PDB file of N, CA and C in Angstrom:
ATOM      1  N   UNK A   1       0.775  -1.337  -0.107  1.00  0.00           N
ATOM      2  CA  UNK A   1       0.085   0.116  -0.064  1.00  0.00           C
ATOM      3  C   UNK A   1       1.009   1.257   0.215  1.00  0.00           C
ATOM      4  N   UNK A   2       0.478   2.137  -0.963  1.00  0.00           N
ATOM      5  CA  UNK A   2       1.493   3.463  -0.735  1.00  0.00           C
ATOM      6  C   UNK A   2       1.288   4.178   0.046  1.00  0.00           C
ATOM      7  N   UNK A   3       1.683   4.932   0.606  1.00  0.00           N
ATOM      8  CA  UNK A   3       1.495   6.092   1.621  1.00  0.00           C
ATOM      9  C   UNK A   3       1.047   7.336   0.985  1.00  0.00           C
ATOM     10  N   UNK A   4       0.060   8.225   1.725  1.00  0.00           N
ATOM     11  CA  UNK A   4      -0.561   9.119   0.875  1.00  0.00           C
ATOM     12  C   UNK A   4       0.307  10.505   0.284  1.00  0.00           C
ATOM     13  N   UNK A   5       1.593  10.448   1.084  1.00  0.00           N
ATOM     14  CA  UNK A   5       2.363  11.982   0.793  1.00  0.00           C
ATOM     15  C   UNK A   5       3.329  11.432  -0.280  1.00  0.00           C
ATOM     16  N   UNK A   6       3.214  10.170  -1.012  1.00  0.00           N
ATOM     17  CA  UNK A   6       4.452  10.174  -1.690  1.00  0.00           C
ATOM     18  C   UNK A   6       4.374  10.983  -2.701  1.00  0.00           C
ATOM     19  N   UNK A   7       5.561  11.389  -3.382  1.00  0.00           N
ATOM     20  CA  UNK A   7       5.655  12.470  -4.493  1.00  0.00           C
ATOM     21  C   UNK A   7       5.960  11.286  -5.633  1.00  0.00           C
ATOM     22  N   UNK A   8       5.417  12.092  -6.997  1.00  0.00           N
ATOM     23  CA  UNK A   8       5.712  11.175  -8.119  1.00  0.00           C
ATOM     24  C   UNK A   8       7.294  11.915  -8.698  1.00  0.00           C
ATOM     25  N   UNK A   9       7.813  10.956  -9.158  1.00  0.00           N
ATOM     26  CA  UNK A   9       8.758  11.082  -9.628  1.00  0.00           C
ATOM     27  C   UNK A   9       8.819  11.522 -11.262  1.00  0.00           C
ATOM     28  N   UNK A  10       9.822  12.606 -11.178  1.00  0.00           N
ATOM     29  CA  UNK A  10       9.845  13.136 -12.769  1.00  0.00           C
ATOM     30  C   UNK A  10      10.062  11.673 -13.877  1.00  0.00           C
ATOM     31  N   UNK A  11       9.657  12.109 -15.119  1.00  0.00           N
ATOM     32  CA  UNK A  11      10.013  10.883 -15.969  1.00  0.00           C
ATOM     33  C   UNK A  11      11.355  11.023 -16.437  1.00  0.00           C
ATOM     34  N   UNK A  12      12.055   9.492 -16.498  1.00  0.00           N
ATOM     35  CA  UNK A  12      13.609   9.526 -16.769  1.00  0.00           C
ATOM     36  C   UNK A  12      13.682  10.030 -18.319  1.00  0.00           C
ATOM     37  N   UNK A  13      12.946  10.204 -19.048  1.00  0.00           N
ATOM     38  CA  UNK A  13      13.257  10.665 -20.239  1.00  0.00           C
ATOM     39  C   UNK A  13      13.461   9.987 -21.387  1.00  0.00           C
ATOM     40  N   UNK A  14      12.860   9.863 -22.508  1.00  0.00           N
ATOM     41  CA  UNK A  14      12.786   8.895 -23.603  1.00  0.00           C
ATOM     42  C   UNK A  14      14.118   9.267 -24.017  1.00  0.00           C
ATOM     43  N   UNK A  15      14.802   8.237 -24.766  1.00  0.00           N
ATOM     44  CA  UNK A  15      16.445   8.393 -25.348  1.00  0.00           C
ATOM     45  C   UNK A  15      15.809   8.567 -26.578  1.00  0.00           C
ATOM     46  N   UNK A  16      16.765  10.044 -27.068  1.00  0.00           N
ATOM     47  CA  UNK A  16      16.648  10.697 -28.556  1.00  0.00           C
ATOM     48  C   UNK A  16      18.184  10.880 -29.061  1.00  0.00           C
ATOM     49  N   UNK A  17      18.255  10.695 -29.982  1.00  0.00           N
ATOM     50  CA  UNK A  17      19.476  11.078 -30.881  1.00  0.00           C
ATOM     51  C   UNK A  17      19.103  12.678 -31.147  1.00  0.00           C
ATOM     52  N   UNK A  18      20.375  13.459 -31.166  1.00  0.00           N
ATOM     53  CA  UNK A  18      20.060  14.864 -31.345  1.00  0.00           C
ATOM     54  C   UNK A  18      19.481  14.929 -32.598  1.00  0.00           C
ATOM     55  N   UNK A  19      19.592  14.388 -33.775  1.00  0.00           N
ATOM     56  CA  UNK A  19      18.943  14.536 -34.820  1.00  0.00           C
ATOM     57  C   UNK A  19      17.293  14.581 -34.930  1.00  0.00           C
ATOM     58  N   UNK A  20      16.931  13.435 -33.731  1.00  0.00           N
ATOM     59  CA  UNK A  20      15.692  13.329 -33.791  1.00  0.00           C
ATOM     60  C   UNK A  20      14.834  14.186 -33.208  1.00  0.00           C
ATOM     61  N   UNK A  21      15.431  15.386 -32.460  1.00  0.00           N
ATOM     62  CA  UNK A  21      14.869  16.266 -31.638  1.00  0.00           C
ATOM     63  C   UNK A  21      13.947  17.189 -32.281  1.00  0.00           C
ATOM     64  N   UNK A  22      14.335  17.549 -33.494  1.00  0.00           N
ATOM     65  CA  UNK A  22      13.502  18.744 -34.509  1.00  0.00           C
ATOM     66  C   UNK A  22      12.243  18.065 -34.585  1.00  0.00           C
ATOM     67  N   UNK A  23      12.025  16.843 -34.645  1.00  0.00           N
ATOM     68  CA  UNK A  23      10.658  16.286 -35.266  1.00  0.00           C
ATOM     69  C   UNK A  23       9.806  15.999 -34.381  1.00  0.00           C
ATOM     70  N   UNK A  24       9.951  15.930 -32.931  1.00  0.00           N
ATOM     71  CA  UNK A  24       9.328  15.559 -31.801  1.00  0.00           C
ATOM     72  C   UNK A  24       8.663  16.590 -31.377  1.00  0.00           C
ATOM     73  N   UNK A  25       7.762  17.290 -32.032  1.00  0.00           N
ATOM     74  CA  UNK A  25       7.099  18.405 -31.297  1.00  0.00           C
ATOM     75  C   UNK A  25       6.247  18.690 -30.128  1.00  0.00           C
ATOM     76  N   UNK A  26       6.696  17.879 -29.392  1.00  0.00           N
ATOM     77  CA  UNK A  26       5.948  17.587 -28.149  1.00  0.00           C
ATOM     78  C   UNK A  26       6.640  18.470 -26.834  1.00  0.00           C
ATOM     79  N   UNK A  27       6.076  20.254 -26.284  1.00  0.00           N
ATOM     80  CA  UNK A  27       6.843  20.894 -25.688  1.00  0.00           C
ATOM     81  C   UNK A  27       6.398  20.263 -24.197  1.00  0.00           C
ATOM     82  N   UNK A  28       7.899  19.873 -23.440  1.00  0.00           N
ATOM     83  CA  UNK A  28       7.612  19.644 -22.134  1.00  0.00           C
ATOM     84  C   UNK A  28       7.917  18.268 -22.089  1.00  0.00           C
ATOM     85  N   UNK A  29       8.090  17.546 -23.243  1.00  0.00           N
ATOM     86  CA  UNK A  29       8.311  16.058 -23.302  1.00  0.00           C
ATOM     87  C   UNK A  29       9.710  16.063 -22.595  1.00  0.00           C
ATOM     88  N   UNK A  30      10.084  14.709 -21.702  1.00  0.00           N
ATOM     89  CA  UNK A  30      11.229  14.374 -20.832  1.00  0.00           C
ATOM     90  C   UNK A  30      11.855  13.658 -21.899  1.00  0.00           C
ATOM     91  N   UNK A  31      12.713  14.326 -21.700  1.00  0.00           N
ATOM     92  CA  UNK A  31      14.222  13.535 -23.008  1.00  0.00           C
ATOM     93  C   UNK A  31      15.445  13.230 -22.202  1.00  0.00           C
ATOM     94  N   UNK A  32      16.088  12.210 -22.741  1.00  0.00           N
ATOM     95  CA  UNK A  32      17.718  12.480 -22.426  1.00  0.00           C
ATOM     96  C   UNK A  32      18.177  12.037 -23.780  1.00  0.00           C
ATOM     97  N   UNK A  33      19.388  13.148 -23.862  1.00  0.00           N
ATOM     98  CA  UNK A  33      20.307  13.371 -24.914  1.00  0.00           C
ATOM     99  C   UNK A  33      21.753  13.110 -24.769  1.00  0.00           C
ATOM    100  N   UNK A  34      22.534  12.571 -25.735  1.00  0.00           N
ATOM    101  CA  UNK A  34      23.878  12.586 -25.163  1.00  0.00           C
ATOM    102  C   UNK A  34      24.736  13.394 -26.876  1.00  0.00           C
ATOM    103  N   UNK A  35      25.642  13.963 -26.214  1.00  0.00           N
ATOM    104  CA  UNK A  35      26.469  14.433 -27.440  1.00  0.00           C
ATOM    105  C   UNK A  35      27.749  15.133 -26.873  1.00  0.00           C
ATOM    106  N   UNK A  36      28.670  15.786 -27.447  1.00  0.00           N
ATOM    107  CA  UNK A  36      29.692  16.755 -27.229  1.00  0.00           C
ATOM    108  C   UNK A  36      29.350  17.704 -26.749  1.00  0.00           C
ATOM    109  N   UNK A  37      29.969  18.342 -25.887  1.00  0.00           N
ATOM    110  CA  UNK A  37      29.986  19.712 -25.199  1.00  0.00           C
ATOM    111  C   UNK A  37      30.817  20.569 -25.988  1.00  0.00           C
ATOM    112  N   UNK A  38      30.068  21.678 -26.648  1.00  0.00           N
ATOM    113  CA  UNK A  38      30.252  22.523 -27.476  1.00  0.00           C
ATOM    114  C   UNK A  38      30.796  23.753 -26.809  1.00  0.00           C
ATOM    115  N   UNK A  39      30.011  24.179 -26.125  1.00  0.00           N
ATOM    116  CA  UNK A  39      30.320  25.434 -25.223  1.00  0.00           C
ATOM    117  C   UNK A  39      29.648  25.481 -24.125  1.00  0.00           C
ATOM    118  N   UNK A  40      29.805  26.254 -23.156  1.00  0.00           N
ATOM    119  CA  UNK A  40      29.310  26.450 -21.662  1.00  0.00           C
ATOM    120  C   UNK A  40      29.691  27.505 -21.367  1.00  0.00           C
ATOM    121  N   UNK A  41      28.444  28.424 -20.914  1.00  0.00           N
ATOM    122  CA  UNK A  41      28.392  29.462 -20.560  1.00  0.00           C
ATOM    123  C   UNK A  41      27.977  29.620 -19.081  1.00  0.00           C
ATOM    124  N   UNK A  42      28.846  29.266 -18.081  1.00  0.00           N
ATOM    125  CA  UNK A  42      28.293  29.341 -16.663  1.00  0.00           C
ATOM    126  C   UNK A  42      27.685  30.817 -16.349  1.00  0.00           C
ATOM    127  N   UNK A  43      27.611  31.827 -16.509  1.00  0.00           N
ATOM    128  CA  UNK A  43      27.152  33.116 -16.286  1.00  0.00           C
ATOM    129  C   UNK A  43      25.723  33.128 -16.592  1.00  0.00           C
ATOM    130  N   UNK A  44      25.706  32.704 -17.712  1.00  0.00           N
ATOM    131  CA  UNK A  44      24.480  32.628 -18.382  1.00  0.00           C
ATOM    132  C   UNK A  44      23.769  31.517 -18.320  1.00  0.00           C
ATOM    133  N   UNK A  45      24.254  30.529 -17.658  1.00  0.00           N
ATOM    134  CA  UNK A  45      23.133  28.819 -17.433  1.00  0.00           C
ATOM    135  C   UNK A  45      22.812  28.667 -18.846  1.00  0.00           C
ATOM    136  N   UNK A  46      24.104  28.342 -19.623  1.00  0.00           N
ATOM    137  CA  UNK A  46      23.579  27.830 -21.323  1.00  0.00           C
ATOM    138  C   UNK A  46      24.902  27.052 -21.963  1.00  0.00           C
ATOM    139  N   UNK A  47      24.590  26.051 -22.043  1.00  0.00           N
ATOM    140  CA  UNK A  47      25.288  25.187 -22.863  1.00  0.00           C
ATOM    141  C   UNK A  47      25.104  24.352 -24.220  1.00  0.00           C
ATOM    142  N   UNK A  48      26.051  24.439 -24.988  1.00  0.00           N
ATOM    143  CA  UNK A  48      25.431  23.571 -26.578  1.00  0.00           C
ATOM    144  C   UNK A  48      26.363  22.467 -26.616  1.00  0.00           C
ATOM    145  N   UNK A  49      25.273  21.236 -27.078  1.00  0.00           N
ATOM    146  CA  UNK A  49      25.294  19.920 -27.180  1.00  0.00           C
ATOM    147  C   UNK A  49      25.549  19.943 -28.823  1.00  0.00           C
ATOM    148  N   UNK A  50      26.522  19.331 -29.061  1.00  0.00           N
ATOM    149  CA  UNK A  50      26.612  18.732 -30.615  1.00  0.00           C
ATOM    150  C   UNK A  50      26.658  17.346 -30.877  1.00  0.00           C
ATOM    151  N   UNK A  51      26.313  17.038 -32.189  1.00  0.00           N
ATOM    152  CA  UNK A  51      26.368  15.635 -32.599  1.00  0.00           C
ATOM    153  C   UNK A  51      27.628  15.299 -32.643  1.00  0.00           C
ATOM    154  N   UNK A  52      27.843  13.862 -32.563  1.00  0.00           N
ATOM    155  CA  UNK A  52      29.048  13.173 -32.675  1.00  0.00           C
ATOM    156  C   UNK A  52      29.893  13.201 -33.891  1.00  0.00           C
ATOM    157  N   UNK A  53      29.071  13.581 -34.948  1.00  0.00           N
ATOM    158  CA  UNK A  53      30.094  13.729 -36.167  1.00  0.00           C
ATOM    159  C   UNK A  53      30.502  14.856 -36.207  1.00  0.00           C
ATOM    160  N   UNK A  54      31.734  14.898 -36.608  1.00  0.00           N
ATOM    161  CA  UNK A  54      32.289  16.339 -36.420  1.00  0.00           C
ATOM    162  C   UNK A  54      32.039  17.033 -37.897  1.00  0.00           C
ATOM    163  N   UNK A  55      31.322  16.472 -38.951  1.00  0.00           N
ATOM    164  CA  UNK A  55      30.844  17.369 -39.981  1.00  0.00           C
ATOM    165  C   UNK A  55      29.576  17.666 -39.646  1.00  0.00           C
ATOM    166  N   UNK A  56      28.936  17.134 -38.343  1.00  0.00           N
ATOM    167  CA  UNK A  56      27.450  17.285 -38.233  1.00  0.00           C
ATOM    168  C   UNK A  56      27.413  18.952 -37.798  1.00  0.00           C
ATOM    169  N   UNK A  57      26.014  19.522 -38.259  1.00  0.00           N
ATOM    170  CA  UNK A  57      25.798  20.665 -37.518  1.00  0.00           C
ATOM    171  C   UNK A  57      24.531  21.183 -37.037  1.00  0.00           C
ATOM    172  N   UNK A  58      24.292  19.704 -36.103  1.00  0.00           N
ATOM    173  CA  UNK A  58      23.143  19.509 -35.367  1.00  0.00           C
ATOM    174  C   UNK A  58      23.666  19.482 -34.128  1.00  0.00           C
ATOM    175  N   UNK A  59      22.929  21.137 -33.332  1.00  0.00           N
ATOM    176  CA  UNK A  59      23.024  21.601 -32.103  1.00  0.00           C
ATOM    177  C   UNK A  59      22.110  21.348 -31.133  1.00  0.00           C
ATOM    178  N   UNK A  60      22.236  21.414 -29.791  1.00  0.00           N
ATOM    179  CA  UNK A  60      21.239  21.748 -29.005  1.00  0.00           C
ATOM    180  C   UNK A  60      21.546  22.775 -28.092  1.00  0.00           C
ATOM    181  N   UNK A  61      20.873  23.794 -27.659  1.00  0.00           N
ATOM    182  CA  UNK A  61      20.895  24.621 -26.811  1.00  0.00           C
ATOM    183  C   UNK A  61      20.127  23.951 -25.369  1.00  0.00           C
ATOM    184  N   UNK A  62      21.045  24.540 -24.481  1.00  0.00           N
ATOM    185  CA  UNK A  62      20.587  23.860 -22.871  1.00  0.00           C
ATOM    186  C   UNK A  62      20.635  24.654 -22.317  1.00  0.00           C
ATOM    187  N   UNK A  63      19.525  25.005 -21.171  1.00  0.00           N
ATOM    188  CA  UNK A  63      19.562  25.853 -20.424  1.00  0.00           C
ATOM    189  C   UNK A  63      19.971  25.003 -18.738  1.00  0.00           C
ATOM    190  N   UNK A  64      21.060  25.512 -18.314  1.00  0.00           N
ATOM    191  CA  UNK A  64      21.641  24.402 -17.411  1.00  0.00           C
ATOM    192  C   UNK A  64      21.547  25.373 -15.819  1.00  0.00           C
ATOM    193  N   UNK A  65      20.648  26.057 -15.536  1.00  0.00           N
ATOM    194  CA  UNK A  65      20.360  26.765 -14.575  1.00  0.00           C
ATOM    195  C   UNK A  65      19.877  25.877 -13.363  1.00  0.00           C
ATOM    196  N   UNK A  66      19.391  24.903 -13.533  1.00  0.00           N
ATOM    197  CA  UNK A  66      19.018  23.779 -12.606  1.00  0.00           C
ATOM    198  C   UNK A  66      20.524  22.962 -12.105  1.00  0.00           C
ATOM    199  N   UNK A  67      21.390  22.783 -13.147  1.00  0.00           N
ATOM    200  CA  UNK A  67      22.483  21.906 -12.773  1.00  0.00           C
ATOM    201  C   UNK A  67      23.876  22.489 -12.549  1.00  0.00           C
ATOM    202  N   UNK A  68      23.720  23.823 -12.656  1.00  0.00           N
ATOM    203  CA  UNK A  68      24.788  24.479 -12.337  1.00  0.00           C
ATOM    204  C   UNK A  68      25.454  24.569 -10.647  1.00  0.00           C
ATOM    205  N   UNK A  69      26.774  24.378 -10.390  1.00  0.00           N
ATOM    206  CA  UNK A  69      27.821  24.368 -11.256  1.00  0.00           C
ATOM    207  C   UNK A  69      27.988  22.933 -11.450  1.00  0.00           C
ATOM    208  N   UNK A  70      28.379  22.773 -12.829  1.00  0.00           N
ATOM    209  CA  UNK A  70      28.828  21.210 -13.515  1.00  0.00           C
ATOM    210  C   UNK A  70      30.048  21.279 -14.105  1.00  0.00           C
ATOM    211  N   UNK A  71      31.009  20.111 -13.436  1.00  0.00           N
ATOM    212  CA  UNK A  71      32.230  20.236 -14.099  1.00  0.00           C
ATOM    213  C   UNK A  71      32.352  20.273 -15.754  1.00  0.00           C
ATOM    214  N   UNK A  72      32.239  21.324 -16.482  1.00  0.00           N
ATOM    215  CA  UNK A  72      32.520  21.215 -18.188  1.00  0.00           C
ATOM    216  C   UNK A  72      33.663  21.166 -18.719  1.00  0.00           C
ATOM    217  N   UNK A  73      33.795  20.220 -19.555  1.00  0.00           N
ATOM    218  CA  UNK A  73      35.115  20.259 -20.179  1.00  0.00           C
ATOM    219  C   UNK A  73      34.583  20.235 -21.597  1.00  0.00           C
ATOM    220  N   UNK A  74      35.100  20.823 -22.469  1.00  0.00           N
ATOM    221  CA  UNK A  74      34.806  21.454 -24.074  1.00  0.00           C
ATOM    222  C   UNK A  74      35.303  19.959 -24.290  1.00  0.00           C
ATOM    223  N   UNK A  75      34.294  19.601 -25.442  1.00  0.00           N
ATOM    224  CA  UNK A  75      35.046  18.191 -26.366  1.00  0.00           C
ATOM    225  C   UNK A  75      34.408  17.038 -25.475  1.00  0.00           C
ATOM    226  N   UNK A  76      34.047  16.718 -24.219  1.00  0.00           N
ATOM    227  CA  UNK A  76      33.720  15.607 -23.793  1.00  0.00           C
ATOM    228  C   UNK A  76      32.267  15.273 -23.991  1.00  0.00           C
ATOM    229  N   UNK A  77      31.930  14.202 -23.544  1.00  0.00           N
ATOM    230  CA  UNK A  77      30.360  13.481 -23.991  1.00  0.00           C
ATOM    231  C   UNK A  77      29.795  13.844 -22.820  1.00  0.00           C
ATOM    232  N   UNK A  78      28.818  14.496 -22.908  1.00  0.00           N
ATOM    233  CA  UNK A  78      27.833  14.464 -21.807  1.00  0.00           C
ATOM    234  C   UNK A  78      26.353  13.746 -22.246  1.00  0.00           C
ATOM    235  N   UNK A  79      25.545  13.781 -21.239  1.00  0.00           N
ATOM    236  CA  UNK A  79      24.336  12.999 -21.471  1.00  0.00           C
ATOM    237  C   UNK A  79      23.245  14.314 -20.250  1.00  0.00           C
ATOM    238  N   UNK A  80      22.412  14.593 -20.672  1.00  0.00           N
ATOM    239  CA  UNK A  80      21.399  15.748 -20.267  1.00  0.00           C
ATOM    240  C   UNK A  80      20.319  15.109 -20.311  1.00  0.00           C
ATOM    241  N   UNK A  81      19.237  15.013 -19.208  1.00  0.00           N
ATOM    242  CA  UNK A  81      18.244  14.796 -18.864  1.00  0.00           C
ATOM    243  C   UNK A  81      17.311  16.077 -18.589  1.00  0.00           C
ATOM    244  N   UNK A  82      16.110  16.323 -19.267  1.00  0.00           N
ATOM    245  CA  UNK A  82      15.275  17.067 -18.985  1.00  0.00           C
ATOM    246  C   UNK A  82      14.308  17.251 -19.941  1.00  0.00           C
ATOM    247  N   UNK A  83      13.470  18.664 -20.112  1.00  0.00           N
ATOM    248  CA  UNK A  83      12.395  18.584 -20.699  1.00  0.00           C
ATOM    249  C   UNK A  83      12.598  19.462 -21.934  1.00  0.00           C
ATOM    250  N   UNK A  84      12.147  19.489 -23.222  1.00  0.00           N
ATOM    251  CA  UNK A  84      12.011  20.332 -24.455  1.00  0.00           C
ATOM    252  C   UNK A  84      11.480  21.452 -24.112  1.00  0.00           C
ATOM    253  N   UNK A  85      11.848  22.441 -24.707  1.00  0.00           N
ATOM    254  CA  UNK A  85      10.833  23.725 -24.659  1.00  0.00           C
ATOM    255  C   UNK A  85      11.162  24.254 -26.364  1.00  0.00           C
ATOM    256  N   UNK A  86       9.899  24.139 -26.675  1.00  0.00           N
ATOM    257  CA  UNK A  86       9.776  24.689 -28.270  1.00  0.00           C
ATOM    258  C   UNK A  86       9.860  26.051 -28.146  1.00  0.00           C
ATOM    259  N   UNK A  87      10.578  26.776 -28.979  1.00  0.00           N
ATOM    260  CA  UNK A  87      10.262  28.536 -28.779  1.00  0.00           C
ATOM    261  C   UNK A  87       9.597  28.957 -29.909  1.00  0.00           C
ATOM    262  N   UNK A  88       9.120  30.194 -29.593  1.00  0.00           N
ATOM    263  CA  UNK A  88       7.858  30.709 -30.134  1.00  0.00           C
ATOM    264  C   UNK A  88       8.208  30.677 -31.878  1.00  0.00           C
ATOM    265  N   UNK A  89       9.495  30.521 -32.519  1.00  0.00           N
ATOM    266  CA  UNK A  89       9.693  30.804 -33.750  1.00  0.00           C
ATOM    267  C   UNK A  89       9.459  29.433 -34.244  1.00  0.00           C
ATOM    268  N   UNK A  90       9.101  28.557 -33.663  1.00  0.00           N
ATOM    269  CA  UNK A  90       8.694  26.982 -34.319  1.00  0.00           C
ATOM    270  C   UNK A  90       9.858  26.367 -34.430  1.00  0.00           C
ATOM    271  N   UNK A  91      11.213  27.067 -34.742  1.00  0.00           N
ATOM    272  CA  UNK A  91      12.321  25.923 -35.008  1.00  0.00           C
ATOM    273  C   UNK A  91      13.296  25.717 -33.969  1.00  0.00           C
ATOM    274  N   UNK A  92      13.243  26.601 -33.279  1.00  0.00           N
ATOM    275  CA  UNK A  92      14.113  26.658 -31.815  1.00  0.00           C
ATOM    276  C   UNK A  92      13.700  25.929 -30.781  1.00  0.00           C
ATOM    277  N   UNK A  93      14.930  24.880 -30.096  1.00  0.00           N
ATOM    278  CA  UNK A  93      14.577  24.060 -29.272  1.00  0.00           C
ATOM    279  C   UNK A  93      15.616  24.293 -28.243  1.00  0.00           C
ATOM    280  N   UNK A  94      14.829  24.598 -26.939  1.00  0.00           N
ATOM    281  CA  UNK A  94      15.589  24.485 -25.529  1.00  0.00           C
ATOM    282  C   UNK A  94      15.466  23.297 -24.749  1.00  0.00           C
ATOM    283  N   UNK A  95      16.356  22.744 -23.887  1.00  0.00           N
ATOM    284  CA  UNK A  95      16.426  21.722 -23.324  1.00  0.00           C
ATOM    285  C   UNK A  95      16.329  22.410 -22.068  1.00  0.00           C
ATOM    286  N   UNK A  96      15.423  22.141 -21.305  1.00  0.00           N
ATOM    287  CA  UNK A  96      15.735  22.745 -19.638  1.00  0.00           C
ATOM    288  C   UNK A  96      16.228  21.264 -19.064  1.00  0.00           C
ATOM    289  N   UNK A  97      17.642  21.455 -18.858  1.00  0.00           N
ATOM    290  CA  UNK A  97      18.320  20.362 -18.067  1.00  0.00           C
ATOM    291  C   UNK A  97      17.985  20.238 -16.712  1.00  0.00           C
ATOM    292  N   UNK A  98      17.533  19.299 -15.978  1.00  0.00           N
ATOM    293  CA  UNK A  98      17.616  18.972 -14.583  1.00  0.00           C
ATOM    294  C   UNK A  98      18.860  18.142 -14.071  1.00  0.00           C
ATOM    295  N   UNK A  99      19.116  17.181 -15.281  1.00  0.00           N
ATOM    296  CA  UNK A  99      20.248  16.079 -14.552  1.00  0.00           C
ATOM    297  C   UNK A  99      21.377  16.167 -15.738  1.00  0.00           C
ATOM    298  N   UNK A 100      22.551  16.182 -15.336  1.00  0.00           N
ATOM    299  CA  UNK A 100      23.595  16.007 -16.513  1.00  0.00           C
ATOM    300  C   UNK A 100      24.601  15.345 -15.640  1.00  0.00           C
ATOM    301  N   UNK A 101      25.195  14.286 -16.323  1.00  0.00           N
ATOM    302  CA  UNK A 101      26.587  13.809 -16.331  1.00  0.00           C
ATOM    303  C   UNK A 101      27.484  13.383 -17.334  1.00  0.00           C
ATOM    304  N   UNK A 102      28.916  13.418 -17.251  1.00  0.00           N
ATOM    305  CA  UNK A 102      29.738  13.131 -17.975  1.00  0.00           C
ATOM    306  C   UNK A 102      30.146  11.778 -18.132  1.00  0.00           C
ATOM    307  N   UNK A 103      29.952  11.203 -19.361  1.00  0.00           N
ATOM    308  CA  UNK A 103      29.389  10.004 -19.903  1.00  0.00           C
ATOM    309  C   UNK A 103      30.971   9.427 -20.957  1.00  0.00           C
ATOM    310  N   UNK A 104      32.308  10.422 -20.718  1.00  0.00           N
ATOM    311  CA  UNK A 104      33.461  10.061 -21.327  1.00  0.00           C
ATOM    312  C   UNK A 104      33.729   8.670 -21.281  1.00  0.00           C
ATOM    313  N   UNK A 105      34.288   8.070 -22.463  1.00  0.00           N
ATOM    314  CA  UNK A 105      34.566   6.583 -22.348  1.00  0.00           C
ATOM    315  C   UNK A 105      33.460   5.490 -23.154  1.00  0.00           C
ATOM    316  N   UNK A 106      32.180   6.185 -23.082  1.00  0.00           N
ATOM    317  CA  UNK A 106      31.104   5.451 -23.208  1.00  0.00           C
ATOM    318  C   UNK A 106      31.399   5.079 -24.939  1.00  0.00           C
ATOM    319  N   UNK A 107      30.815   3.921 -25.290  1.00  0.00           N
ATOM    320  CA  UNK A 107      31.099   3.731 -26.554  1.00  0.00           C
ATOM    321  C   UNK A 107      29.688   3.567 -27.326  1.00  0.00           C
ATOM    322  N   UNK A 108      29.857   4.943 -28.023  1.00  0.00           N
ATOM    323  CA  UNK A 108      28.455   5.486 -28.492  1.00  0.00           C
ATOM    324  C   UNK A 108      28.201   4.644 -29.636  1.00  0.00           C
ATOM    325  N   UNK A 109      28.886   3.976 -30.463  1.00  0.00           N
ATOM    326  CA  UNK A 109      28.382   3.288 -31.432  1.00  0.00           C
ATOM    327  C   UNK A 109      27.645   2.179 -30.992  1.00  0.00           C
ATOM    328  N   UNK A 110      28.245   1.299 -29.999  1.00  0.00           N
ATOM    329  CA  UNK A 110      27.031   0.706 -29.176  1.00  0.00           C
ATOM    330  C   UNK A 110      26.137   1.149 -28.353  1.00  0.00           C
ATOM    331  N   UNK A 111      26.210   2.153 -28.031  1.00  0.00           N
ATOM    332  CA  UNK A 111      25.049   2.690 -27.275  1.00  0.00           C
ATOM    333  C   UNK A 111      24.045   2.989 -27.986  1.00  0.00           C
ATOM    334  N   UNK A 112      24.238   3.559 -29.271  1.00  0.00           N
ATOM    335  CA  UNK A 112      23.239   3.688 -30.199  1.00  0.00           C
ATOM    336  C   UNK A 112      22.727   2.403 -31.291  1.00  0.00           C
ATOM    337  N   UNK A 113      23.648   1.315 -31.156  1.00  0.00           N
ATOM    338  CA  UNK A 113      22.920  -0.225 -31.466  1.00  0.00           C
ATOM    339  C   UNK A 113      22.266  -0.403 -30.678  1.00  0.00           C
ATOM    340  N   UNK A 114      22.389  -0.364 -29.579  1.00  0.00           N
ATOM    341  CA  UNK A 114      21.837  -1.209 -28.396  1.00  0.00           C
ATOM    342  C   UNK A 114      20.374  -0.374 -28.394  1.00  0.00           C
ATOM    343  N   UNK A 115      20.513   0.902 -28.725  1.00  0.00           N
ATOM    344  CA  UNK A 115      18.909   1.760 -28.583  1.00  0.00           C
ATOM    345  C   UNK A 115      18.221   1.543 -29.973  1.00  0.00           C
ATOM    346  N   UNK A 116      18.826   1.284 -30.913  1.00  0.00           N
ATOM    347  CA  UNK A 116      18.038   0.688 -32.017  1.00  0.00           C
ATOM    348  C   UNK A 116      17.382  -0.490 -31.927  1.00  0.00           C
ATOM    349  N   UNK A 117      18.200  -1.351 -31.252  1.00  0.00           N
ATOM    350  CA  UNK A 117      17.639  -3.031 -31.048  1.00  0.00           C
ATOM    351  C   UNK A 117      16.498  -2.887 -29.894  1.00  0.00           C
ATOM    352  N   UNK A 118      16.744  -2.185 -29.102  1.00  0.00           N
ATOM    353  CA  UNK A 118      15.552  -1.929 -28.026  1.00  0.00           C
ATOM    354  C   UNK A 118      14.210  -1.281 -28.529  1.00  0.00           C
ATOM    355  N   UNK A 119      14.240  -0.286 -29.585  1.00  0.00           N
ATOM    356  CA  UNK A 119      13.226   0.591 -30.463  1.00  0.00           C
ATOM    357  C   UNK A 119      12.613  -0.773 -31.156  1.00  0.00           C
ATOM    358  N   UNK A 120      13.425  -1.576 -31.520  1.00  0.00           N
ATOM    359  CA  UNK A 120      12.832  -2.805 -32.365  1.00  0.00           C
ATOM    360  C   UNK A 120      12.077  -3.578 -31.807  1.00  0.00           C
ATOM    361  N   UNK A 121      12.630  -4.140 -30.584  1.00  0.00           N
ATOM    362  CA  UNK A 121      11.921  -5.097 -29.776  1.00  0.00           C
ATOM    363  C   UNK A 121      10.810  -4.524 -29.312  1.00  0.00           C
ATOM    364  N   UNK A 122      10.613  -3.155 -28.616  1.00  0.00           N
ATOM    365  CA  UNK A 122       9.503  -2.776 -28.246  1.00  0.00           C
ATOM    366  C   UNK A 122       8.439  -2.313 -29.134  1.00  0.00           C
ATOM    367  N   UNK A 123       8.703  -2.420 -30.500  1.00  0.00           N
ATOM    368  CA  UNK A 123       7.941  -2.030 -31.571  1.00  0.00           C
ATOM    369  C   UNK A 123       6.876  -3.050 -31.888  1.00  0.00           C
ATOM    370  N   UNK A 124       7.828  -4.321 -32.222  1.00  0.00           N
ATOM    371  CA  UNK A 124       7.575  -5.801 -32.368  1.00  0.00           C
ATOM    372  C   UNK A 124       6.601  -6.461 -31.074  1.00  0.00           C
ATOM    373  N   UNK A 125       6.660  -5.613 -29.886  1.00  0.00           N
ATOM    374  CA  UNK A 125       5.584  -6.175 -28.760  1.00  0.00           C
ATOM    375  C   UNK A 125       4.219  -6.029 -28.816  1.00  0.00           C
TER     376      UNK A 125
END
């Protein structure tokens, strides 16, 4: 039996690739994204995450107000969990981060291969 004063935990976030975020038009959707830290402005609580492909121009702006200060190292791989905020222009997306962690050393190819296998399995159920 659950206690009457239990709080509901926030969603752990759907795992998305940076390239998939633009097509997910759900404002406030909880997501989990991973990429290389391109920039971090501590004073303005703003970071930019970029896709792993160095030739890619896919970037995600992140509001880091809730996770500051964090030990940012430009070029390192970070995973952020938070809610998407689609801005008024209809094109720009801002992630309101609530969790951040450095995941340097993760095998990104294997990570995304496992994600694809999980999606296929869940779709077939």
